Amino acid sequence: QIFTGVDLLEKVQFDEDLPEVPEITALTETMSDAVTSVRNKFRVELTGLIEATAVLFEHLVDLTQGVDVVRGHHEQVLDLVRETTEKELLRSLAKGPLMRR
């Protein structure tokens, strides 16, 4: 889709009724070859950028999934700490009044 749009923008209509001048024809061919070369280099670079973006996206997905796993483990650790703290608090409260009597 991108390349089709670029092709449409780069197409030039020539008037075929003009007389042919060899020097201008040679210059036109040289310029056309230069434009084609630049276009091909652009396409190669654009393709490389698109591929790099796809790789980065895959790594971002992996990173996001890893962060989700870490978040889950973190929540489990917090739950264990809460449970342990609550149990210790309850033990402390249970022992406290007995020791005072």
PDB file of N, CA and C in Angstrom:
ATOM      1  N   GLN A   1       0.816  -1.190   0.000  1.00  0.00           N
ATOM      2  CA  GLN A   1       0.000   0.000   0.000  1.00  0.00           C
ATOM      3  C   GLN A   1       0.863   1.259   0.000  1.00  0.00           C
ATOM      4  N   ILE A   2       1.885   1.252   0.834  1.00  0.00           N
ATOM      5  CA  ILE A   2       2.766   2.415   0.912  1.00  0.00           C
ATOM      6  C   ILE A   2       3.497   2.596  -0.411  1.00  0.00           C
ATOM      7  N   PHE A   3       4.024   1.488  -0.932  1.00  0.00           N
ATOM      8  CA  PHE A   3       4.793   1.578  -2.171  1.00  0.00           C
ATOM      9  C   PHE A   3       3.931   1.995  -3.350  1.00  0.00           C
ATOM     10  N   THR A   4       2.683   1.556  -3.354  1.00  0.00           N
ATOM     11  CA  THR A   4       1.773   1.952  -4.432  1.00  0.00           C
ATOM     12  C   THR A   4       1.554   3.454  -4.404  1.00  0.00           C
ATOM     13  N   GLY A   5       1.364   3.995  -3.202  1.00  0.00           N
ATOM     14  CA  GLY A   5       1.187   5.446  -3.064  1.00  0.00           C
ATOM     15  C   GLY A   5       2.410   6.209  -3.522  1.00  0.00           C
ATOM     16  N   VAL A   6       3.591   5.701  -3.174  1.00  0.00           N
ATOM     17  CA  VAL A   6       4.836   6.348  -3.605  1.00  0.00           C
ATOM     18  C   VAL A   6       4.953   6.283  -5.118  1.00  0.00           C
ATOM     19  N   ASP A   7       4.639   5.130  -5.697  1.00  0.00           N
ATOM     20  CA  ASP A   7       4.699   4.988  -7.157  1.00  0.00           C
ATOM     21  C   ASP A   7       3.780   5.990  -7.854  1.00  0.00           C
ATOM     22  N   LEU A   8       2.578   6.145  -7.346  1.00  0.00           N
ATOM     23  CA  LEU A   8       1.625   7.078  -7.962  1.00  0.00           C
ATOM     24  C   LEU A   8       2.140   8.512  -7.891  1.00  0.00           C
ATOM     25  N   LEU A   9       2.765   8.863  -6.789  1.00  0.00           N
ATOM     26  CA  LEU A   9       3.299  10.216  -6.643  1.00  0.00           C
ATOM     27  C   LEU A   9       4.494  10.466  -7.561  1.00  0.00           C
ATOM     28  N   GLU A  10       5.252   9.406  -7.841  1.00  0.00           N
ATOM     29  CA  GLU A  10       6.483   9.574  -8.602  1.00  0.00           C
ATOM     30  C   GLU A  10       6.284   9.458 -10.118  1.00  0.00           C
ATOM     31  N   LYS A  11       5.147   9.001 -10.574  1.00  0.00           N
ATOM     32  CA  LYS A  11       4.927   8.842 -12.011  1.00  0.00           C
ATOM     33  C   LYS A  11       4.781  10.215 -12.667  1.00  0.00           C
ATOM     34  N   VAL A  12       5.488  10.365 -13.747  1.00  0.00           N
ATOM     35  CA  VAL A  12       5.457  11.638 -14.483  1.00  0.00           C
ATOM     36  C   VAL A  12       4.918  11.363 -15.881  1.00  0.00           C
ATOM     37  N   GLN A  13       4.006  12.191 -16.318  1.00  0.00           N
ATOM     38  CA  GLN A  13       3.448  12.055 -17.671  1.00  0.00           C
ATOM     39  C   GLN A  13       4.268  12.923 -18.635  1.00  0.00           C
ATOM     40  N   PHE A  14       4.775  12.307 -19.694  1.00  0.00           N
ATOM     41  CA  PHE A  14       5.538  13.037 -20.699  1.00  0.00           C
ATOM     42  C   PHE A  14       4.674  13.287 -21.929  1.00  0.00           C
ATOM     43  N   ASP A  15       4.879  14.424 -22.524  1.00  0.00           N
ATOM     44  CA  ASP A  15       4.151  14.757 -23.743  1.00  0.00           C
ATOM     45  C   ASP A  15       4.901  14.115 -24.903  1.00  0.00           C
ATOM     46  N   GLU A  16       4.272  13.189 -25.598  1.00  0.00           N
ATOM     47  CA  GLU A  16       4.932  12.446 -26.665  1.00  0.00           C
ATOM     48  C   GLU A  16       5.034  13.227 -27.974  1.00  0.00           C
ATOM     49  N   ASP A  17       4.442  14.388 -28.063  1.00  0.00           N
ATOM     50  CA  ASP A  17       4.491  15.175 -29.290  1.00  0.00           C
ATOM     51  C   ASP A  17       5.745  16.043 -29.392  1.00  0.00           C
ATOM     52  N   LEU A  18       6.558  16.076 -28.360  1.00  0.00           N
ATOM     53  CA  LEU A  18       7.772  16.899 -28.380  1.00  0.00           C
ATOM     54  C   LEU A  18       8.855  16.220 -29.213  1.00  0.00           C
ATOM     55  N   PRO A  19       9.682  17.024 -29.881  1.00  0.00           N
ATOM     56  CA  PRO A  19      10.787  16.423 -30.644  1.00  0.00           C
ATOM     57  C   PRO A  19      11.821  15.832 -29.683  1.00  0.00           C
ATOM     58  N   GLU A  20      12.489  14.787 -30.139  1.00  0.00           N
ATOM     59  CA  GLU A  20      13.486  14.137 -29.299  1.00  0.00           C
ATOM     60  C   GLU A  20      14.850  14.786 -29.500  1.00  0.00           C
ATOM     61  N   VAL A  21      15.428  15.237 -28.387  1.00  0.00           N
ATOM     62  CA  VAL A  21      16.774  15.826 -28.396  1.00  0.00           C
ATOM     63  C   VAL A  21      17.663  14.850 -27.637  1.00  0.00           C
ATOM     64  N   PRO A  22      18.706  14.307 -28.305  1.00  0.00           N
ATOM     65  CA  PRO A  22      19.534  13.266 -27.686  1.00  0.00           C
ATOM     66  C   PRO A  22      20.119  13.677 -26.332  1.00  0.00           C
ATOM     67  N   GLU A  23      20.584  14.910 -26.214  1.00  0.00           N
ATOM     68  CA  GLU A  23      21.179  15.357 -24.955  1.00  0.00           C
ATOM     69  C   GLU A  23      20.138  15.363 -23.829  1.00  0.00           C
ATOM     70  N   ILE A  24      18.941  15.829 -24.174  1.00  0.00           N
ATOM     71  CA  ILE A  24      17.871  15.883 -23.168  1.00  0.00           C
ATOM     72  C   ILE A  24      17.413  14.469 -22.825  1.00  0.00           C
ATOM     73  N   THR A  25      17.357  13.602 -23.844  1.00  0.00           N
ATOM     74  CA  THR A  25      16.988  12.213 -23.595  1.00  0.00           C
ATOM     75  C   THR A  25      17.999  11.553 -22.660  1.00  0.00           C
ATOM     76  N   ALA A  26      19.295  11.786 -22.916  1.00  0.00           N
ATOM     77  CA  ALA A  26      20.350  11.212 -22.066  1.00  0.00           C
ATOM     78  C   ALA A  26      20.243  11.757 -20.641  1.00  0.00           C
ATOM     79  N   LEU A  27      20.026  13.070 -20.525  1.00  0.00           N
ATOM     80  CA  LEU A  27      19.881  13.693 -19.216  1.00  0.00           C
ATOM     81  C   LEU A  27      18.649  13.146 -18.486  1.00  0.00           C
ATOM     82  N   THR A  28      17.565  12.980 -19.221  1.00  0.00           N
ATOM     83  CA  THR A  28      16.339  12.447 -18.637  1.00  0.00           C
ATOM     84  C   THR A  28      16.550  11.029 -18.128  1.00  0.00           C
ATOM     85  N   GLU A  29      17.249  10.211 -18.912  1.00  0.00           N
ATOM     86  CA  GLU A  29      17.516   8.835 -18.496  1.00  0.00           C
ATOM     87  C   GLU A  29      18.412   8.809 -17.260  1.00  0.00           C
ATOM     88  N   THR A  30      19.415   9.683 -17.241  1.00  0.00           N
ATOM     89  CA  THR A  30      20.308   9.754 -16.080  1.00  0.00           C
ATOM     90  C   THR A  30      19.526  10.161 -14.832  1.00  0.00           C
ATOM     91  N   MET A  31      18.669  11.160 -14.990  1.00  0.00           N
ATOM     92  CA  MET A  31      17.860  11.605 -13.855  1.00  0.00           C
ATOM     93  C   MET A  31      16.884  10.526 -13.423  1.00  0.00           C
ATOM     94  N   SER A  32      16.291   9.841 -14.396  1.00  0.00           N
ATOM     95  CA  SER A  32      15.356   8.765 -14.080  1.00  0.00           C
ATOM     96  C   SER A  32      16.057   7.636 -13.330  1.00  0.00           C
ATOM     97  N   ASP A  33      17.268   7.292 -13.800  1.00  0.00           N
ATOM     98  CA  ASP A  33      18.048   6.256 -13.107  1.00  0.00           C
ATOM     99  C   ASP A  33      18.376   6.688 -11.683  1.00  0.00           C
ATOM    100  N   ALA A  34      18.717   7.954 -11.502  1.00  0.00           N
ATOM    101  CA  ALA A  34      19.030   8.461 -10.165  1.00  0.00           C
ATOM    102  C   ALA A  34      17.805   8.401  -9.256  1.00  0.00           C
ATOM    103  N   VAL A  35      16.657   8.799  -9.797  1.00  0.00           N
ATOM    104  CA  VAL A  35      15.415   8.754  -9.011  1.00  0.00           C
ATOM    105  C   VAL A  35      15.069   7.311  -8.665  1.00  0.00           C
ATOM    106  N   THR A  36      15.241   6.412  -9.623  1.00  0.00           N
ATOM    107  CA  THR A  36      14.961   4.999  -9.376  1.00  0.00           C
ATOM    108  C   THR A  36      15.883   4.455  -8.285  1.00  0.00           C
ATOM    109  N   SER A  37      17.148   4.835  -8.340  1.00  0.00           N
ATOM    110  CA  SER A  37      18.107   4.394  -7.330  1.00  0.00           C
ATOM    111  C   SER A  37      17.714   4.901  -5.942  1.00  0.00           C
ATOM    112  N   VAL A  38      17.349   6.183  -5.876  1.00  0.00           N
ATOM    113  CA  VAL A  38      16.926   6.756  -4.591  1.00  0.00           C
ATOM    114  C   VAL A  38      15.656   6.075  -4.106  1.00  0.00           C
ATOM    115  N   ARG A  39      14.719   5.829  -5.005  1.00  0.00           N
ATOM    116  CA  ARG A  39      13.468   5.153  -4.651  1.00  0.00           C
ATOM    117  C   ARG A  39      13.744   3.758  -4.096  1.00  0.00           C
ATOM    118  N   ASN A  40      14.637   3.024  -4.757  1.00  0.00           N
ATOM    119  CA  ASN A  40      14.961   1.679  -4.291  1.00  0.00           C
ATOM    120  C   ASN A  40      15.637   1.708  -2.921  1.00  0.00           C
ATOM    121  N   LYS A  41      16.556   2.660  -2.731  1.00  0.00           N
ATOM    122  CA  LYS A  41      17.211   2.793  -1.427  1.00  0.00           C
ATOM    123  C   LYS A  41      16.184   3.162  -0.358  1.00  0.00           C
ATOM    124  N   PHE A  42      15.259   4.043  -0.708  1.00  0.00           N
ATOM    125  CA  PHE A  42      14.199   4.434   0.229  1.00  0.00           C
ATOM    126  C   PHE A  42      13.368   3.220   0.619  1.00  0.00           C
ATOM    127  N   ARG A  43      13.015   2.408  -0.370  1.00  0.00           N
ATOM    128  CA  ARG A  43      12.210   1.219  -0.094  1.00  0.00           C
ATOM    129  C   ARG A  43      12.954   0.240   0.810  1.00  0.00           C
ATOM    130  N   VAL A  44      14.246   0.069   0.544  1.00  0.00           N
ATOM    131  CA  VAL A  44      15.049  -0.828   1.381  1.00  0.00           C
ATOM    132  C   VAL A  44      15.082  -0.303   2.815  1.00  0.00           C
ATOM    133  N   GLU A  45      15.327   0.999   2.965  1.00  0.00           N
ATOM    134  CA  GLU A  45      15.370   1.597   4.308  1.00  0.00           C
ATOM    135  C   GLU A  45      14.005   1.524   4.979  1.00  0.00           C
ATOM    136  N   LEU A  46      12.944   1.799   4.245  1.00  0.00           N
ATOM    137  CA  LEU A  46      11.601   1.746   4.807  1.00  0.00           C
ATOM    138  C   LEU A  46      11.261   0.322   5.243  1.00  0.00           C
ATOM    139  N   THR A  47      11.616  -0.641   4.411  1.00  0.00           N
ATOM    140  CA  THR A  47      11.380  -2.041   4.766  1.00  0.00           C
ATOM    141  C   THR A  47      12.148  -2.404   6.031  1.00  0.00           C
ATOM    142  N   GLY A  48      13.395  -1.941   6.115  1.00  0.00           N
ATOM    143  CA  GLY A  48      14.192  -2.190   7.322  1.00  0.00           C
ATOM    144  C   GLY A  48      13.554  -1.581   8.561  1.00  0.00           C
ATOM    145  N   LEU A  49      13.041  -0.370   8.412  1.00  0.00           N
ATOM    146  CA  LEU A  49      12.373   0.284   9.546  1.00  0.00           C
ATOM    147  C   LEU A  49      11.113  -0.465   9.964  1.00  0.00           C
ATOM    148  N   ILE A  50      10.350  -0.916   8.986  1.00  0.00           N
ATOM    149  CA  ILE A  50       9.127  -1.665   9.293  1.00  0.00           C
ATOM    150  C   ILE A  50       9.477  -2.977  10.001  1.00  0.00           C
ATOM    151  N   GLU A  51      10.510  -3.656   9.517  1.00  0.00           N
ATOM    152  CA  GLU A  51      10.928  -4.911  10.155  1.00  0.00           C
ATOM    153  C   GLU A  51      11.440  -4.649  11.567  1.00  0.00           C
ATOM    154  N   ALA A  52      12.222  -3.578  11.745  1.00  0.00           N
ATOM    155  CA  ALA A  52      12.736  -3.241  13.078  1.00  0.00           C
ATOM    156  C   ALA A  52      11.590  -2.906  14.020  1.00  0.00           C
ATOM    157  N   THR A  53      10.583  -2.206  13.510  1.00  0.00           N
ATOM    158  CA  THR A  53       9.420  -1.875  14.328  1.00  0.00           C
ATOM    159  C   THR A  53       8.682  -3.144  14.750  1.00  0.00           C
ATOM    160  N   ALA A  54       8.579  -4.099  13.845  1.00  0.00           N
ATOM    161  CA  ALA A  54       7.920  -5.361  14.174  1.00  0.00           C
ATOM    162  C   ALA A  54       8.692  -6.111  15.261  1.00  0.00           C
ATOM    163  N   VAL A  55      10.016  -6.121  15.157  1.00  0.00           N
ATOM    164  CA  VAL A  55      10.843  -6.784  16.176  1.00  0.00           C
ATOM    165  C   VAL A  55      10.684  -6.074  17.522  1.00  0.00           C
ATOM    166  N   LEU A  56      10.716  -4.750  17.500  1.00  0.00           N
ATOM    167  CA  LEU A  56      10.526  -3.996  18.744  1.00  0.00           C
ATOM    168  C   LEU A  56       9.159  -4.279  19.358  1.00  0.00           C
ATOM    169  N   PHE A  57       8.139  -4.388  18.517  1.00  0.00           N
ATOM    170  CA  PHE A  57       6.797  -4.693  19.006  1.00  0.00           C
ATOM    171  C   PHE A  57       6.783  -6.060  19.693  1.00  0.00           C
ATOM    172  N   GLU A  58       7.429  -7.042  19.068  1.00  0.00           N
ATOM    173  CA  GLU A  58       7.484  -8.378  19.665  1.00  0.00           C
ATOM    174  C   GLU A  58       8.177  -8.331  21.020  1.00  0.00           C
ATOM    175  N   HIS A  59       9.275  -7.577  21.106  1.00  0.00           N
ATOM    176  CA  HIS A  59       9.984  -7.460  22.378  1.00  0.00           C
ATOM    177  C   HIS A  59       9.134  -6.725  23.415  1.00  0.00           C
ATOM    178  N   LEU A  60       8.376  -5.738  22.974  1.00  0.00           N
ATOM    179  CA  LEU A  60       7.495  -5.018  23.887  1.00  0.00           C
ATOM    180  C   LEU A  60       6.407  -5.947  24.428  1.00  0.00           C
ATOM    181  N   VAL A  61       5.878  -6.803  23.569  1.00  0.00           N
ATOM    182  CA  VAL A  61       4.883  -7.781  24.014  1.00  0.00           C
ATOM    183  C   VAL A  61       5.504  -8.708  25.055  1.00  0.00           C
ATOM    184  N   ASP A  62       6.717  -9.209  24.765  1.00  0.00           N
ATOM    185  CA  ASP A  62       7.408 -10.085  25.721  1.00  0.00           C
ATOM    186  C   ASP A  62       7.652  -9.363  27.043  1.00  0.00           C
ATOM    187  N   LEU A  63       8.087  -8.125  26.967  1.00  0.00           N
ATOM    188  CA  LEU A  63       8.347  -7.337  28.171  1.00  0.00           C
ATOM    189  C   LEU A  63       7.060  -7.133  28.968  1.00  0.00           C
ATOM    190  N   THR A  64       5.992  -6.801  28.274  1.00  0.00           N
ATOM    191  CA  THR A  64       4.705  -6.586  28.942  1.00  0.00           C
ATOM    192  C   THR A  64       4.238  -7.863  29.637  1.00  0.00           C
ATOM    193  N   GLN A  65       4.384  -8.988  28.966  1.00  0.00           N
ATOM    194  CA  GLN A  65       3.996 -10.263  29.572  1.00  0.00           C
ATOM    195  C   GLN A  65       4.871 -10.572  30.784  1.00  0.00           C
ATOM    196  N   GLY A  66       6.167 -10.264  30.681  1.00  0.00           N
ATOM    197  CA  GLY A  66       7.077 -10.470  31.813  1.00  0.00           C
ATOM    198  C   GLY A  66       6.708  -9.591  32.992  1.00  0.00           C
ATOM    199  N   VAL A  67       6.368  -8.346  32.723  1.00  0.00           N
ATOM    200  CA  VAL A  67       5.952  -7.437  33.789  1.00  0.00           C
ATOM    201  C   VAL A  67       4.671  -7.947  34.444  1.00  0.00           C
ATOM    202  N   ASP A  68       3.754  -8.478  33.648  1.00  0.00           N
ATOM    203  CA  ASP A  68       2.522  -9.037  34.203  1.00  0.00           C
ATOM    204  C   ASP A  68       2.815 -10.214  35.138  1.00  0.00           C
ATOM    205  N   VAL A  69       3.760 -11.068  34.746  1.00  0.00           N
ATOM    206  CA  VAL A  69       4.141 -12.196  35.599  1.00  0.00           C
ATOM    207  C   VAL A  69       4.753 -11.681  36.901  1.00  0.00           C
ATOM    208  N   VAL A  70       5.647 -10.705  36.786  1.00  0.00           N
ATOM    209  CA  VAL A  70       6.267 -10.123  37.978  1.00  0.00           C
ATOM    210  C   VAL A  70       5.208  -9.492  38.879  1.00  0.00           C
ATOM    211  N   ARG A  71       4.262  -8.786  38.283  1.00  0.00           N
ATOM    212  CA  ARG A  71       3.176  -8.164  39.056  1.00  0.00           C
ATOM    213  C   ARG A  71       2.395  -9.233  39.818  1.00  0.00           C
ATOM    214  N   GLY A  72       2.096 -10.354  39.153  1.00  0.00           N
ATOM    215  CA  GLY A  72       1.383 -11.444  39.817  1.00  0.00           C
ATOM    216  C   GLY A  72       2.174 -12.007  40.982  1.00  0.00           C
ATOM    217  N   HIS A  73       3.474 -12.215  40.774  1.00  0.00           N
ATOM    218  CA  HIS A  73       4.328 -12.715  41.860  1.00  0.00           C
ATOM    219  C   HIS A  73       4.393 -11.708  43.004  1.00  0.00           C
ATOM    220  N   HIS A  74       4.458 -10.446  42.659  1.00  0.00           N
ATOM    221  CA  HIS A  74       4.501  -9.390  43.667  1.00  0.00           C
ATOM    222  C   HIS A  74       3.234  -9.427  44.522  1.00  0.00           C
ATOM    223  N   GLU A  75       2.096  -9.596  43.867  1.00  0.00           N
ATOM    224  CA  GLU A  75       0.833  -9.672  44.602  1.00  0.00           C
ATOM    225  C   GLU A  75       0.816 -10.893  45.522  1.00  0.00           C
ATOM    226  N   GLN A  76       1.364 -12.011  45.056  1.00  0.00           N
ATOM    227  CA  GLN A  76       1.422 -13.213  45.891  1.00  0.00           C
ATOM    228  C   GLN A  76       2.301 -12.982  47.110  1.00  0.00           C
ATOM    229  N   VAL A  77       3.437 -12.331  46.914  1.00  0.00           N
ATOM    230  CA  VAL A  77       4.337 -12.027  48.028  1.00  0.00           C
ATOM    231  C   VAL A  77       3.633 -11.104  49.027  1.00  0.00           C
ATOM    232  N   LEU A  78       2.950 -10.074  48.508  1.00  0.00           N
ATOM    233  CA  LEU A  78       2.218  -9.171  49.406  1.00  0.00           C
ATOM    234  C   LEU A  78       1.149  -9.913  50.189  1.00  0.00           C
ATOM    235  N   ASP A  79       0.440 -10.827  49.551  1.00  0.00           N
ATOM    236  CA  ASP A  79      -0.580 -11.616  50.245  1.00  0.00           C
ATOM    237  C   ASP A  79       0.045 -12.451  51.359  1.00  0.00           C
ATOM    238  N   LEU A  80       1.180 -13.087  51.072  1.00  0.00           N
ATOM    239  CA  LEU A  80       1.862 -13.891  52.095  1.00  0.00           C
ATOM    240  C   LEU A  80       2.322 -13.019  53.258  1.00  0.00           C
ATOM    241  N   VAL A  81       2.851 -11.858  52.948  1.00  0.00           N
ATOM    242  CA  VAL A  81       3.307 -10.949  53.999  1.00  0.00           C
ATOM    243  C   VAL A  81       2.119 -10.493  54.843  1.00  0.00           C
ATOM    244  N   ARG A  82       1.002 -10.165  54.200  1.00  0.00           N
ATOM    245  CA  ARG A  82      -0.197  -9.753  54.944  1.00  0.00           C
ATOM    246  C   ARG A  82      -0.681 -10.867  55.865  1.00  0.00           C
ATOM    247  N   GLU A  83      -0.740 -12.085  55.315  1.00  0.00           N
ATOM    248  CA  GLU A  83      -1.194 -13.217  56.128  1.00  0.00           C
ATOM    249  C   GLU A  83      -0.283 -13.429  57.328  1.00  0.00           C
ATOM    250  N   THR A  84       1.022 -13.412  57.084  1.00  0.00           N
ATOM    251  CA  THR A  84       1.985 -13.620  58.165  1.00  0.00           C
ATOM    252  C   THR A  84       1.879 -12.504  59.195  1.00  0.00           C
ATOM    253  N   THR A  85       1.749 -11.286  58.737  1.00  0.00           N
ATOM    254  CA  THR A  85       1.638 -10.146  59.657  1.00  0.00           C
ATOM    255  C   THR A  85       0.358 -10.244  60.473  1.00  0.00           C
ATOM    256  N   GLU A  86      -0.747 -10.610  59.829  1.00  0.00           N
ATOM    257  CA  GLU A  86      -2.011 -10.754  60.548  1.00  0.00           C
ATOM    258  C   GLU A  86      -1.924 -11.868  61.594  1.00  0.00           C
ATOM    259  N   LYS A  87      -1.335 -13.010  61.228  1.00  0.00           N
ATOM    260  CA  LYS A  87      -1.186 -14.119  62.173  1.00  0.00           C
ATOM    261  C   LYS A  87      -0.326 -13.702  63.363  1.00  0.00           C
ATOM    262  N   GLU A  88       0.780 -13.018  63.085  1.00  0.00           N
ATOM    263  CA  GLU A  88       1.654 -12.567  64.169  1.00  0.00           C
ATOM    264  C   GLU A  88       0.941 -11.561  65.062  1.00  0.00           C
ATOM    265  N   LEU A  89       0.164 -10.683  64.478  1.00  0.00           N
ATOM    266  CA  LEU A  89      -0.589  -9.701  65.248  1.00  0.00           C
ATOM    267  C   LEU A  89      -1.618 -10.396  66.133  1.00  0.00           C
ATOM    268  N   LEU A  90      -2.329 -11.361  65.562  1.00  0.00           N
ATOM    269  CA  LEU A  90      -3.317 -12.100  66.348  1.00  0.00           C
ATOM    270  C   LEU A  90      -2.655 -12.884  67.484  1.00  0.00           C
ATOM    271  N   ARG A  91      -1.513 -13.509  67.227  1.00  0.00           N
ATOM    272  CA  ARG A  91      -0.777 -14.222  68.276  1.00  0.00           C
ATOM    273  C   ARG A  91      -0.329 -13.258  69.367  1.00  0.00           C
ATOM    274  N   SER A  92       0.137 -12.116  68.917  1.00  0.00           N
ATOM    275  CA  SER A  92       0.600 -11.106  69.863  1.00  0.00           C
ATOM    276  C   SER A  92      -0.553 -10.619  70.737  1.00  0.00           C
ATOM    277  N   LEU A  93      -1.709 -10.385  70.134  1.00  0.00           N
ATOM    278  CA  LEU A  93      -2.877  -9.934  70.886  1.00  0.00           C
ATOM    279  C   LEU A  93      -3.373 -11.026  71.831  1.00  0.00           C
ATOM    280  N   ALA A  94      -3.305 -12.258  71.377  1.00  0.00           N
ATOM    281  CA  ALA A  94      -3.766 -13.377  72.211  1.00  0.00           C
ATOM    282  C   ALA A  94      -2.845 -13.571  73.408  1.00  0.00           C
ATOM    283  N   LYS A  95      -1.583 -13.413  73.235  1.00  0.00           N
ATOM    284  CA  LYS A  95      -0.636 -13.591  74.325  1.00  0.00           C
ATOM    285  C   LYS A  95      -0.602 -12.375  75.240  1.00  0.00           C
ATOM    286  N   GLY A  96      -0.864 -11.224  74.691  1.00  0.00           N
ATOM    287  CA  GLY A  96      -0.756  -9.989  75.464  1.00  0.00           C
ATOM    288  C   GLY A  96      -1.603  -9.955  76.696  1.00  0.00           C
ATOM    289  N   PRO A  97      -2.908 -10.161  76.626  1.00  0.00           N
ATOM    290  CA  PRO A  97      -3.741 -10.079  77.823  1.00  0.00           C
ATOM    291  C   PRO A  97      -3.424 -11.156  78.839  1.00  0.00           C
ATOM    292  N   LEU A  98      -2.988 -12.335  78.415  1.00  0.00           N
ATOM    293  CA  LEU A  98      -2.660 -13.396  79.349  1.00  0.00           C
ATOM    294  C   LEU A  98      -1.424 -13.043  80.159  1.00  0.00           C
ATOM    295  N   MET A  99      -0.501 -12.424  79.542  1.00  0.00           N
ATOM    296  CA  MET A  99       0.743 -12.096  80.229  1.00  0.00           C
ATOM    297  C   MET A  99       0.513 -10.984  81.253  1.00  0.00           C
ATOM    298  N   ARG A 100      -0.432 -10.132  81.039  1.00  0.00           N
ATOM    299  CA  ARG A 100      -0.684  -9.045  81.953  1.00  0.00           C
ATOM    300  C   ARG A 100      -1.379  -9.514  83.232  1.00  0.00           C
ATOM    301  N   ARG A 101      -2.127 -10.596  83.188  1.00  0.00           N
ATOM    302  CA  ARG A 101      -2.898 -11.080  84.341  1.00  0.00           C
ATOM    303  C   ARG A 101      -2.019 -11.668  85.323  1.00  0.00           C
TER     304      ARG A 101
END
